[in-house]
């Protein structure tokens, strides 16, 4: 979610409860990408 007129950007990730381990693994990979990939973060901010 990007807030119009500001630089505020929110990322949301939700898994069902209970969740299959593969589901948690996939969402965890997205979380890690947010921390390890500046290109991914820039794409979220501006792309």
ModelCIF file with pLDDT and N, C-alpha, C, O atoms, coordinates in Angstrom:
data_MODEL
#
_entry.id   MODEL 
#
_entity.id                         1 
_entity.type                       polymer 
_entity.pdbx_number_of_molecules   1 
#
_entity_poly.entity_id                      1 
_entity_poly.type                           'polypeptide(L)' 
_entity_poly.nstd_linkage                   no 
_entity_poly.nstd_monomer                   no 
_entity_poly.pdbx_seq_one_letter_code       
;(UNK)(UNK)(UNK)(UNK)(UNK)(UNK)(UNK)(UNK)(UNK)(UNK)(UNK)(UNK)(UNK)(UNK)(UNK)(UNK)
(UNK)(UNK)(UNK)(UNK)(UNK)(UNK)(UNK)(UNK)(UNK)(UNK)(UNK)(UNK)(UNK)(UNK)(UNK)(UNK)
(UNK)(UNK)(UNK)(UNK)(UNK)(UNK)(UNK)(UNK)(UNK)(UNK)(UNK)(UNK)(UNK)(UNK)(UNK)
;
_entity_poly.pdbx_seq_one_letter_code_can   XXXXXXXXXXXXXXXXXXXXXXXXXXXXXXXXXXXXXXXXXXXXXXX 
_entity_poly.pdbx_strand_id                 A 
#
loop_
_entity_poly_seq.entity_id 
_entity_poly_seq.num 
_entity_poly_seq.mon_id 
_entity_poly_seq.hetero 
1 1  UNK n 
1 2  UNK n 
1 3  UNK n 
1 4  UNK n 
1 5  UNK n 
1 6  UNK n 
1 7  UNK n 
1 8  UNK n 
1 9  UNK n 
1 10 UNK n 
1 11 UNK n 
1 12 UNK n 
1 13 UNK n 
1 14 UNK n 
1 15 UNK n 
1 16 UNK n 
1 17 UNK n 
1 18 UNK n 
1 19 UNK n 
1 20 UNK n 
1 21 UNK n 
1 22 UNK n 
1 23 UNK n 
1 24 UNK n 
1 25 UNK n 
1 26 UNK n 
1 27 UNK n 
1 28 UNK n 
1 29 UNK n 
1 30 UNK n 
1 31 UNK n 
1 32 UNK n 
1 33 UNK n 
1 34 UNK n 
1 35 UNK n 
1 36 UNK n 
1 37 UNK n 
1 38 UNK n 
1 39 UNK n 
1 40 UNK n 
1 41 UNK n 
1 42 UNK n 
1 43 UNK n 
1 44 UNK n 
1 45 UNK n 
1 46 UNK n 
1 47 UNK n 
#
_struct_asym.id          A 
_struct_asym.entity_id   1 
#
loop_
_ma_qa_metric.id 
_ma_qa_metric.mode 
_ma_qa_metric.name 
_ma_qa_metric.software_group_id 
_ma_qa_metric.type 
1 global pLDDT . pLDDT 
2 local  pLDDT . pLDDT 
#
_ma_qa_metric_global.metric_id      1 
_ma_qa_metric_global.metric_value   90.98 
_ma_qa_metric_global.model_id       1 
_ma_qa_metric_global.ordinal_id     1 
#
loop_
_ma_qa_metric_local.label_asym_id 
_ma_qa_metric_local.label_comp_id 
_ma_qa_metric_local.label_seq_id 
_ma_qa_metric_local.metric_id 
_ma_qa_metric_local.metric_value 
_ma_qa_metric_local.model_id 
_ma_qa_metric_local.ordinal_id 
A UNK 1  2 93.00 1 1  
A UNK 2  2 91.00 1 2  
A UNK 3  2 90.00 1 3  
A UNK 4  2 85.00 1 4  
A UNK 5  2 82.00 1 5  
A UNK 6  2 83.00 1 6  
A UNK 7  2 80.00 1 7  
A UNK 8  2 87.00 1 8  
A UNK 9  2 90.00 1 9  
A UNK 10 2 92.00 1 10 
A UNK 11 2 93.00 1 11 
A UNK 12 2 92.00 1 12 
A UNK 13 2 93.00 1 13 
A UNK 14 2 95.00 1 14 
A UNK 15 2 95.00 1 15 
A UNK 16 2 95.00 1 16 
A UNK 17 2 94.00 1 17 
A UNK 18 2 94.00 1 18 
A UNK 19 2 93.00 1 19 
A UNK 20 2 93.00 1 20 
A UNK 21 2 94.00 1 21 
A UNK 22 2 93.00 1 22 
A UNK 23 2 92.00 1 23 
A UNK 24 2 93.00 1 24 
A UNK 25 2 92.00 1 25 
A UNK 26 2 91.00 1 26 
A UNK 27 2 92.00 1 27 
A UNK 28 2 93.00 1 28 
A UNK 29 2 91.00 1 29 
A UNK 30 2 91.00 1 30 
A UNK 31 2 91.00 1 31 
A UNK 32 2 91.00 1 32 
A UNK 33 2 91.00 1 33 
A UNK 34 2 89.00 1 34 
A UNK 35 2 89.00 1 35 
A UNK 36 2 89.00 1 36 
A UNK 37 2 91.00 1 37 
A UNK 38 2 91.00 1 38 
A UNK 39 2 92.00 1 39 
A UNK 40 2 92.00 1 40 
A UNK 41 2 91.00 1 41 
A UNK 42 2 91.00 1 42 
A UNK 43 2 93.00 1 43 
A UNK 44 2 91.00 1 44 
A UNK 45 2 90.00 1 45 
A UNK 46 2 91.00 1 46 
A UNK 47 2 91.00 1 47 
#
loop_
_atom_site.group_PDB 
_atom_site.id 
_atom_site.type_symbol 
_atom_site.label_atom_id 
_atom_site.label_alt_id 
_atom_site.label_comp_id 
_atom_site.label_asym_id 
_atom_site.label_entity_id 
_atom_site.label_seq_id 
_atom_site.pdbx_PDB_ins_code 
_atom_site.Cartn_x 
_atom_site.Cartn_y 
_atom_site.Cartn_z 
_atom_site.occupancy 
_atom_site.B_iso_or_equiv 
_atom_site.pdbx_formal_charge 
_atom_site.auth_seq_id 
_atom_site.auth_comp_id 
_atom_site.auth_asym_id 
_atom_site.auth_atom_id 
_atom_site.pdbx_PDB_model_num 
ATOM 1   N N  . UNK A 1 1  ? 0.866  -1.171  0.000   1.00 93.00 ? 1  UNK A N  1 
ATOM 2   C CA . UNK A 1 1  ? 0.000  0.000   0.000   1.00 93.00 ? 1  UNK A CA 1 
ATOM 3   C C  . UNK A 1 1  ? 0.902  1.221   0.000   1.00 93.00 ? 1  UNK A C  1 
ATOM 4   O O  . UNK A 1 1  ? 1.741  1.389   0.886   1.00 93.00 ? 1  UNK A O  1 
ATOM 5   N N  . UNK A 1 2  ? 0.722  2.070   -1.004  1.00 91.00 ? 2  UNK A N  1 
ATOM 6   C CA . UNK A 1 2  ? 1.447  3.348   -1.063  1.00 91.00 ? 2  UNK A CA 1 
ATOM 7   C C  . UNK A 1 2  ? 0.459  4.461   -0.763  1.00 91.00 ? 2  UNK A C  1 
ATOM 8   O O  . UNK A 1 2  ? -0.627 4.513   -1.342  1.00 91.00 ? 2  UNK A O  1 
ATOM 9   N N  . UNK A 1 3  ? 0.834  5.338   0.132   1.00 90.00 ? 3  UNK A N  1 
ATOM 10  C CA . UNK A 1 3  ? -0.026 6.452   0.504   1.00 90.00 ? 3  UNK A CA 1 
ATOM 11  C C  . UNK A 1 3  ? 0.248  7.600   -0.458  1.00 90.00 ? 3  UNK A C  1 
ATOM 12  O O  . UNK A 1 3  ? 1.366  8.110   -0.535  1.00 90.00 ? 3  UNK A O  1 
ATOM 13  N N  . UNK A 1 4  ? -0.785 7.998   -1.189  1.00 85.00 ? 4  UNK A N  1 
ATOM 14  C CA . UNK A 1 4  ? -0.655 9.075   -2.171  1.00 85.00 ? 4  UNK A CA 1 
ATOM 15  C C  . UNK A 1 4  ? -0.195 10.359  -1.484  1.00 85.00 ? 4  UNK A C  1 
ATOM 16  O O  . UNK A 1 4  ? -0.674 10.717  -0.408  1.00 85.00 ? 4  UNK A O  1 
ATOM 17  N N  . UNK A 1 5  ? 0.745  11.039  -2.136  1.00 82.00 ? 5  UNK A N  1 
ATOM 18  C CA . UNK A 1 5  ? 1.224  12.317  -1.627  1.00 82.00 ? 5  UNK A CA 1 
ATOM 19  C C  . UNK A 1 5  ? 2.267  12.201  -0.525  1.00 82.00 ? 5  UNK A C  1 
ATOM 20  O O  . UNK A 1 5  ? 2.680  13.211  0.045   1.00 82.00 ? 5  UNK A O  1 
ATOM 21  N N  . UNK A 1 6  ? 2.695  10.989  -0.221  1.00 83.00 ? 6  UNK A N  1 
ATOM 22  C CA . UNK A 1 6  ? 3.745  10.828  0.788   1.00 83.00 ? 6  UNK A CA 1 
ATOM 23  C C  . UNK A 1 6  ? 4.661  9.694   0.359   1.00 83.00 ? 6  UNK A C  1 
ATOM 24  O O  . UNK A 1 6  ? 4.421  9.022   -0.644  1.00 83.00 ? 6  UNK A O  1 
ATOM 25  N N  . UNK A 1 7  ? 5.711  9.497   1.135   1.00 80.00 ? 7  UNK A N  1 
ATOM 26  C CA . UNK A 1 7  ? 6.636  8.383   0.865   1.00 80.00 ? 7  UNK A CA 1 
ATOM 27  C C  . UNK A 1 7  ? 6.284  7.159   1.701   1.00 80.00 ? 7  UNK A C  1 
ATOM 28  O O  . UNK A 1 7  ? 7.045  6.192   1.718   1.00 80.00 ? 7  UNK A O  1 
ATOM 29  N N  . UNK A 1 8  ? 5.152  7.179   2.392   1.00 87.00 ? 8  UNK A N  1 
ATOM 30  C CA . UNK A 1 8  ? 4.766  6.063   3.241   1.00 87.00 ? 8  UNK A CA 1 
ATOM 31  C C  . UNK A 1 8  ? 4.370  4.867   2.392   1.00 87.00 ? 8  UNK A C  1 
ATOM 32  O O  . UNK A 1 8  ? 3.489  4.949   1.536   1.00 87.00 ? 8  UNK A O  1 
ATOM 33  N N  . UNK A 1 9  ? 5.049  3.748   2.651   1.00 90.00 ? 9  UNK A N  1 
ATOM 34  C CA . UNK A 1 9  ? 4.762  2.503   1.952   1.00 90.00 ? 9  UNK A CA 1 
ATOM 35  C C  . UNK A 1 9  ? 4.653  1.404   2.993   1.00 90.00 ? 9  UNK A C  1 
ATOM 36  O O  . UNK A 1 9  ? 5.516  1.253   3.857   1.00 90.00 ? 9  UNK A O  1 
ATOM 37  N N  . UNK A 1 10 ? 3.575  0.640   2.893   1.00 92.00 ? 10 UNK A N  1 
ATOM 38  C CA . UNK A 1 10 ? 3.306  -0.444  3.829   1.00 92.00 ? 10 UNK A CA 1 
ATOM 39  C C  . UNK A 1 10 ? 3.261  -1.760  3.073   1.00 92.00 ? 10 UNK A C  1 
ATOM 40  O O  . UNK A 1 10 ? 2.632  -1.866  2.021   1.00 92.00 ? 10 UNK A O  1 
ATOM 41  N N  . UNK A 1 11 ? 3.928  -2.748  3.616   1.00 93.00 ? 11 UNK A N  1 
ATOM 42  C CA . UNK A 1 11 ? 3.938  -4.095  3.055   1.00 93.00 ? 11 UNK A CA 1 
ATOM 43  C C  . UNK A 1 11 ? 3.187  -4.977  4.044   1.00 93.00 ? 11 UNK A C  1 
ATOM 44  O O  . UNK A 1 11 ? 3.421  -4.904  5.251   1.00 93.00 ? 11 UNK A O  1 
ATOM 45  N N  . UNK A 1 12 ? 2.288  -5.809  3.534   1.00 92.00 ? 12 UNK A N  1 
ATOM 46  C CA . UNK A 1 12 ? 1.594  -6.734  4.427   1.00 92.00 ? 12 UNK A CA 1 
ATOM 47  C C  . UNK A 1 12 ? 1.739  -8.162  3.918   1.00 92.00 ? 12 UNK A C  1 
ATOM 48  O O  . UNK A 1 12 ? 1.685  -8.430  2.718   1.00 92.00 ? 12 UNK A O  1 
ATOM 49  N N  . UNK A 1 13 ? 1.922  -9.056  4.861   1.00 93.00 ? 13 UNK A N  1 
ATOM 50  C CA . UNK A 1 13 ? 2.044  -10.489 4.602   1.00 93.00 ? 13 UNK A CA 1 
ATOM 51  C C  . UNK A 1 13 ? 1.177  -11.198 5.635   1.00 93.00 ? 13 UNK A C  1 
ATOM 52  O O  . UNK A 1 13 ? 1.301  -10.945 6.834   1.00 93.00 ? 13 UNK A O  1 
ATOM 53  N N  . UNK A 1 14 ? 0.307  -12.076 5.176   1.00 95.00 ? 14 UNK A N  1 
ATOM 54  C CA . UNK A 1 14 ? -0.540 -12.821 6.105   1.00 95.00 ? 14 UNK A CA 1 
ATOM 55  C C  . UNK A 1 14 ? -0.641 -14.268 5.657   1.00 95.00 ? 14 UNK A C  1 
ATOM 56  O O  . UNK A 1 14 ? -0.792 -14.563 4.472   1.00 95.00 ? 14 UNK A O  1 
ATOM 57  N N  . UNK A 1 15 ? -0.555 -15.151 6.623   1.00 95.00 ? 15 UNK A N  1 
ATOM 58  C CA . UNK A 1 15 ? -0.675 -16.581 6.369   1.00 95.00 ? 15 UNK A CA 1 
ATOM 59  C C  . UNK A 1 15 ? -1.906 -17.096 7.103   1.00 95.00 ? 15 UNK A C  1 
ATOM 60  O O  . UNK A 1 15 ? -2.275 -16.564 8.150   1.00 95.00 ? 15 UNK A O  1 
ATOM 61  N N  . UNK A 1 16 ? -2.541 -18.129 6.559   1.00 95.00 ? 16 UNK A N  1 
ATOM 62  C CA . UNK A 1 16 ? -3.646 -18.726 7.300   1.00 95.00 ? 16 UNK A CA 1 
ATOM 63  C C  . UNK A 1 16 ? -3.135 -19.338 8.614   1.00 95.00 ? 16 UNK A C  1 
ATOM 64  O O  . UNK A 1 16 ? -1.954 -19.656 8.747   1.00 95.00 ? 16 UNK A O  1 
ATOM 65  N N  . UNK A 1 17 ? -4.031 -19.492 9.556   1.00 94.00 ? 17 UNK A N  1 
ATOM 66  C CA . UNK A 1 17 ? -3.666 -20.137 10.822  1.00 94.00 ? 17 UNK A CA 1 
ATOM 67  C C  . UNK A 1 17 ? -4.652 -21.258 11.084  1.00 94.00 ? 17 UNK A C  1 
ATOM 68  O O  . UNK A 1 17 ? -5.820 -20.996 11.369  1.00 94.00 ? 17 UNK A O  1 
ATOM 69  N N  . UNK A 1 18 ? -4.212 -22.483 10.994  1.00 94.00 ? 18 UNK A N  1 
ATOM 70  C CA . UNK A 1 18 ? -2.841 -22.949 10.826  1.00 94.00 ? 18 UNK A CA 1 
ATOM 71  C C  . UNK A 1 18 ? -2.390 -22.823 9.369   1.00 94.00 ? 18 UNK A C  1 
ATOM 72  O O  . UNK A 1 18 ? -3.209 -22.744 8.453   1.00 94.00 ? 18 UNK A O  1 
ATOM 73  N N  . UNK A 1 19 ? -1.082 -22.807 9.178   1.00 93.00 ? 19 UNK A N  1 
ATOM 74  C CA . UNK A 1 19 ? -0.509 -22.682 7.834   1.00 93.00 ? 19 UNK A CA 1 
ATOM 75  C C  . UNK A 1 19 ? 0.408  -23.862 7.550   1.00 93.00 ? 19 UNK A C  1 
ATOM 76  O O  . UNK A 1 19 ? 1.058  -24.401 8.446   1.00 93.00 ? 19 UNK A O  1 
ATOM 77  N N  . UNK A 1 20 ? 0.441  -24.240 6.307   1.00 93.00 ? 20 UNK A N  1 
ATOM 78  C CA . UNK A 1 20 ? 1.362  -25.281 5.850   1.00 93.00 ? 20 UNK A CA 1 
ATOM 79  C C  . UNK A 1 20 ? 2.780  -24.715 5.939   1.00 93.00 ? 20 UNK A C  1 
ATOM 80  O O  . UNK A 1 20 ? 2.980  -23.536 5.644   1.00 93.00 ? 20 UNK A O  1 
ATOM 81  N N  . UNK A 1 21 ? 3.758  -25.510 6.333   1.00 94.00 ? 21 UNK A N  1 
ATOM 82  C CA . UNK A 1 21 ? 5.140  -25.010 6.439   1.00 94.00 ? 21 UNK A CA 1 
ATOM 83  C C  . UNK A 1 21 ? 5.661  -24.367 5.150   1.00 94.00 ? 21 UNK A C  1 
ATOM 84  O O  . UNK A 1 21 ? 6.437  -23.413 5.213   1.00 94.00 ? 21 UNK A O  1 
ATOM 85  N N  . UNK A 1 22 ? 5.257  -24.864 4.006   1.00 93.00 ? 22 UNK A N  1 
ATOM 86  C CA . UNK A 1 22 ? 5.702  -24.260 2.742   1.00 93.00 ? 22 UNK A CA 1 
ATOM 87  C C  . UNK A 1 22 ? 5.154  -22.842 2.574   1.00 93.00 ? 22 UNK A C  1 
ATOM 88  O O  . UNK A 1 22 ? 5.816  -21.984 1.991   1.00 93.00 ? 22 UNK A O  1 
ATOM 89  N N  . UNK A 1 23 ? 3.963  -22.601 3.078   1.00 92.00 ? 23 UNK A N  1 
ATOM 90  C CA . UNK A 1 23 ? 3.383  -21.252 3.028   1.00 92.00 ? 23 UNK A CA 1 
ATOM 91  C C  . UNK A 1 23 ? 4.218  -20.295 3.865   1.00 92.00 ? 23 UNK A C  1 
ATOM 92  O O  . UNK A 1 23 ? 4.538  -19.190 3.425   1.00 92.00 ? 23 UNK A O  1 
ATOM 93  N N  . UNK A 1 24 ? 4.567  -20.721 5.066   1.00 93.00 ? 24 UNK A N  1 
ATOM 94  C CA . UNK A 1 24 ? 5.385  -19.882 5.945   1.00 93.00 ? 24 UNK A CA 1 
ATOM 95  C C  . UNK A 1 24 ? 6.752  -19.655 5.314   1.00 93.00 ? 24 UNK A C  1 
ATOM 96  O O  . UNK A 1 24 ? 7.287  -18.547 5.374   1.00 93.00 ? 24 UNK A O  1 
ATOM 97  N N  . UNK A 1 25 ? 7.313  -20.680 4.717   1.00 92.00 ? 25 UNK A N  1 
ATOM 98  C CA . UNK A 1 25 ? 8.623  -20.548 4.064   1.00 92.00 ? 25 UNK A CA 1 
ATOM 99  C C  . UNK A 1 25 ? 8.562  -19.519 2.929   1.00 92.00 ? 25 UNK A C  1 
ATOM 100 O O  . UNK A 1 25 ? 9.454  -18.681 2.797   1.00 92.00 ? 25 UNK A O  1 
ATOM 101 N N  . UNK A 1 26 ? 7.510  -19.589 2.116   1.00 91.00 ? 26 UNK A N  1 
ATOM 102 C CA . UNK A 1 26 ? 7.380  -18.645 0.991   1.00 91.00 ? 26 UNK A CA 1 
ATOM 103 C C  . UNK A 1 26 ? 7.264  -17.209 1.488   1.00 91.00 ? 26 UNK A C  1 
ATOM 104 O O  . UNK A 1 26 ? 7.931  -16.318 0.962   1.00 91.00 ? 26 UNK A O  1 
ATOM 105 N N  . UNK A 1 27 ? 6.433  -16.976 2.488   1.00 92.00 ? 27 UNK A N  1 
ATOM 106 C CA . UNK A 1 27 ? 6.294  -15.619 3.019   1.00 92.00 ? 27 UNK A CA 1 
ATOM 107 C C  . UNK A 1 27 ? 7.577  -15.166 3.711   1.00 92.00 ? 27 UNK A C  1 
ATOM 108 O O  . UNK A 1 27 ? 7.916  -13.983 3.674   1.00 92.00 ? 27 UNK A O  1 
ATOM 109 N N  . UNK A 1 28 ? 8.283  -16.086 4.336   1.00 93.00 ? 28 UNK A N  1 
ATOM 110 C CA . UNK A 1 28 ? 9.566  -15.741 4.956   1.00 93.00 ? 28 UNK A CA 1 
ATOM 111 C C  . UNK A 1 28 ? 10.582 -15.303 3.907   1.00 93.00 ? 28 UNK A C  1 
ATOM 112 O O  . UNK A 1 28 ? 11.373 -14.391 4.149   1.00 93.00 ? 28 UNK A O  1 
ATOM 113 N N  . UNK A 1 29 ? 10.564 -15.954 2.733   1.00 91.00 ? 29 UNK A N  1 
ATOM 114 C CA . UNK A 1 29 ? 11.469 -15.551 1.653   1.00 91.00 ? 29 UNK A CA 1 
ATOM 115 C C  . UNK A 1 29 ? 11.179 -14.122 1.203   1.00 91.00 ? 29 UNK A C  1 
ATOM 116 O O  . UNK A 1 29 ? 12.101 -13.367 0.899   1.00 91.00 ? 29 UNK A O  1 
ATOM 117 N N  . UNK A 1 30 ? 9.910  -13.754 1.161   1.00 91.00 ? 30 UNK A N  1 
ATOM 118 C CA . UNK A 1 30 ? 9.553  -12.372 0.805   1.00 91.00 ? 30 UNK A CA 1 
ATOM 119 C C  . UNK A 1 30 ? 10.076 -11.421 1.878   1.00 91.00 ? 30 UNK A C  1 
ATOM 120 O O  . UNK A 1 30 ? 10.617 -10.363 1.558   1.00 91.00 ? 30 UNK A O  1 
ATOM 121 N N  . UNK A 1 31 ? 9.920  -11.786 3.136   1.00 91.00 ? 31 UNK A N  1 
ATOM 122 C CA . UNK A 1 31 ? 10.437 -10.947 4.237   1.00 91.00 ? 31 UNK A CA 1 
ATOM 123 C C  . UNK A 1 31 ? 11.938 -10.750 4.124   1.00 91.00 ? 31 UNK A C  1 
ATOM 124 O O  . UNK A 1 31 ? 12.440 -9.639  4.292   1.00 91.00 ? 31 UNK A O  1 
ATOM 125 N N  . UNK A 1 32 ? 12.648 -11.824 3.841   1.00 91.00 ? 32 UNK A N  1 
ATOM 126 C CA . UNK A 1 32 ? 14.103 -11.738 3.711   1.00 91.00 ? 32 UNK A CA 1 
ATOM 127 C C  . UNK A 1 32 ? 14.470 -10.870 2.508   1.00 91.00 ? 32 UNK A C  1 
ATOM 128 O O  . UNK A 1 32 ? 15.424 -10.095 2.571   1.00 91.00 ? 32 UNK A O  1 
ATOM 129 N N  . UNK A 1 33 ? 13.724 -10.997 1.424   1.00 91.00 ? 33 UNK A N  1 
ATOM 130 C CA . UNK A 1 33 ? 13.990 -10.160 0.239   1.00 91.00 ? 33 UNK A CA 1 
ATOM 131 C C  . UNK A 1 33 ? 13.865 -8.682  0.589   1.00 91.00 ? 33 UNK A C  1 
ATOM 132 O O  . UNK A 1 33 ? 14.628 -7.857  0.087   1.00 91.00 ? 33 UNK A O  1 
ATOM 133 N N  . UNK A 1 34 ? 12.909 -8.346  1.445   1.00 89.00 ? 34 UNK A N  1 
ATOM 134 C CA . UNK A 1 34 ? 12.743 -6.949  1.866   1.00 89.00 ? 34 UNK A CA 1 
ATOM 135 C C  . UNK A 1 34 ? 13.986 -6.426  2.571   1.00 89.00 ? 34 UNK A C  1 
ATOM 136 O O  . UNK A 1 34 ? 14.310 -5.242  2.483   1.00 89.00 ? 34 UNK A O  1 
ATOM 137 N N  . UNK A 1 35 ? 14.674 -7.313  3.267   1.00 89.00 ? 35 UNK A N  1 
ATOM 138 C CA . UNK A 1 35 ? 15.854 -6.897  4.021   1.00 89.00 ? 35 UNK A CA 1 
ATOM 139 C C  . UNK A 1 35 ? 17.143 -7.013  3.222   1.00 89.00 ? 35 UNK A C  1 
ATOM 140 O O  . UNK A 1 35 ? 18.078 -6.244  3.443   1.00 89.00 ? 35 UNK A O  1 
ATOM 141 N N  . UNK A 1 36 ? 17.205 -7.958  2.303   1.00 89.00 ? 36 UNK A N  1 
ATOM 142 C CA . UNK A 1 36 ? 18.462 -8.233  1.613   1.00 89.00 ? 36 UNK A CA 1 
ATOM 143 C C  . UNK A 1 36 ? 18.570 -7.664  0.203   1.00 89.00 ? 36 UNK A C  1 
ATOM 144 O O  . UNK A 1 36 ? 19.670 -7.575  -0.341  1.00 89.00 ? 36 UNK A O  1 
ATOM 145 N N  . UNK A 1 37 ? 17.466 -7.286  -0.385  1.00 91.00 ? 37 UNK A N  1 
ATOM 146 C CA . UNK A 1 37 ? 17.504 -6.844  -1.769  1.00 91.00 ? 37 UNK A CA 1 
ATOM 147 C C  . UNK A 1 37 ? 17.101 -5.375  -1.896  1.00 91.00 ? 37 UNK A C  1 
ATOM 148 O O  . UNK A 1 37 ? 15.913 -5.052  -1.890  1.00 91.00 ? 37 UNK A O  1 
ATOM 149 N N  . UNK A 1 38 ? 18.086 -4.492  -2.011  1.00 91.00 ? 38 UNK A N  1 
ATOM 150 C CA . UNK A 1 38 ? 17.761 -3.080  -2.196  1.00 91.00 ? 38 UNK A CA 1 
ATOM 151 C C  . UNK A 1 38 ? 16.935 -2.831  -3.462  1.00 91.00 ? 38 UNK A C  1 
ATOM 152 O O  . UNK A 1 38 ? 16.091 -1.935  -3.487  1.00 91.00 ? 38 UNK A O  1 
ATOM 153 N N  . UNK A 1 39 ? 17.177 -3.618  -4.505  1.00 92.00 ? 39 UNK A N  1 
ATOM 154 C CA . UNK A 1 39 ? 16.409 -3.448  -5.744  1.00 92.00 ? 39 UNK A CA 1 
ATOM 155 C C  . UNK A 1 39 ? 14.933 -3.772  -5.527  1.00 92.00 ? 39 UNK A C  1 
ATOM 156 O O  . UNK A 1 39 ? 14.061 -3.089  -6.062  1.00 92.00 ? 39 UNK A O  1 
ATOM 157 N N  . UNK A 1 40 ? 14.653 -4.815  -4.742  1.00 92.00 ? 40 UNK A N  1 
ATOM 158 C CA . UNK A 1 40 ? 13.266 -5.165  -4.442  1.00 92.00 ? 40 UNK A CA 1 
ATOM 159 C C  . UNK A 1 40 ? 12.611 -4.059  -3.623  1.00 92.00 ? 40 UNK A C  1 
ATOM 160 O O  . UNK A 1 40 ? 11.480 -3.664  -3.905  1.00 92.00 ? 40 UNK A O  1 
ATOM 161 N N  . UNK A 1 41 ? 13.313 -3.562  -2.617  1.00 91.00 ? 41 UNK A N  1 
ATOM 162 C CA . UNK A 1 41 ? 12.767 -2.475  -1.794  1.00 91.00 ? 41 UNK A CA 1 
ATOM 163 C C  . UNK A 1 41 ? 12.500 -1.228  -2.631  1.00 91.00 ? 41 UNK A C  1 
ATOM 164 O O  . UNK A 1 41 ? 11.464 -0.582  -2.471  1.00 91.00 ? 41 UNK A O  1 
ATOM 165 N N  . UNK A 1 42 ? 13.434 -0.886  -3.527  1.00 91.00 ? 42 UNK A N  1 
ATOM 166 C CA . UNK A 1 42 ? 13.234 0.281   -4.403  1.00 91.00 ? 42 UNK A CA 1 
ATOM 167 C C  . UNK A 1 42 ? 12.021 0.087   -5.303  1.00 91.00 ? 42 UNK A C  1 
ATOM 168 O O  . UNK A 1 42 ? 11.259 1.025   -5.539  1.00 91.00 ? 42 UNK A O  1 
ATOM 169 N N  . UNK A 1 43 ? 11.845 -1.132  -5.802  1.00 93.00 ? 43 UNK A N  1 
ATOM 170 C CA . UNK A 1 43 ? 10.680 -1.413  -6.651  1.00 93.00 ? 43 UNK A CA 1 
ATOM 171 C C  . UNK A 1 43 ? 9.389  -1.207  -5.858  1.00 93.00 ? 43 UNK A C  1 
ATOM 172 O O  . UNK A 1 43 ? 8.413  -0.678  -6.390  1.00 93.00 ? 43 UNK A O  1 
ATOM 173 N N  . UNK A 1 44 ? 9.379  -1.620  -4.595  1.00 91.00 ? 44 UNK A N  1 
ATOM 174 C CA . UNK A 1 44 ? 8.189  -1.411  -3.775  1.00 91.00 ? 44 UNK A CA 1 
ATOM 175 C C  . UNK A 1 44 ? 7.920  0.072   -3.545  1.00 91.00 ? 44 UNK A C  1 
ATOM 176 O O  . UNK A 1 44 ? 6.771  0.511   -3.521  1.00 91.00 ? 44 UNK A O  1 
ATOM 177 N N  . UNK A 1 45 ? 8.996  0.832   -3.379  1.00 90.00 ? 45 UNK A N  1 
ATOM 178 C CA . UNK A 1 45 ? 8.843  2.260   -3.128  1.00 90.00 ? 45 UNK A CA 1 
ATOM 179 C C  . UNK A 1 45 ? 8.420  3.035   -4.370  1.00 90.00 ? 45 UNK A C  1 
ATOM 180 O O  . UNK A 1 45 ? 7.586  3.937   -4.291  1.00 90.00 ? 45 UNK A O  1 
ATOM 181 N N  . UNK A 1 46 ? 8.999  2.681   -5.518  1.00 91.00 ? 46 UNK A N  1 
ATOM 182 C CA . UNK A 1 46 ? 8.828  3.541   -6.700  1.00 91.00 ? 46 UNK A CA 1 
ATOM 183 C C  . UNK A 1 46 ? 8.338  2.824   -7.956  1.00 91.00 ? 46 UNK A C  1 
ATOM 184 O O  . UNK A 1 46 ? 7.867  3.478   -8.887  1.00 91.00 ? 46 UNK A O  1 
ATOM 185 N N  . UNK A 1 47 ? 8.439  1.504   -8.001  1.00 91.00 ? 47 UNK A N  1 
ATOM 186 C CA . UNK A 1 47 ? 8.187  0.777   -9.240  1.00 91.00 ? 47 UNK A CA 1 
ATOM 187 C C  . UNK A 1 47 ? 6.731  0.473   -9.504  1.00 91.00 ? 47 UNK A C  1 
ATOM 188 O O  . UNK A 1 47 ? 6.402  -0.138  -10.521 1.00 91.00 ? 47 UNK A O  1 
#
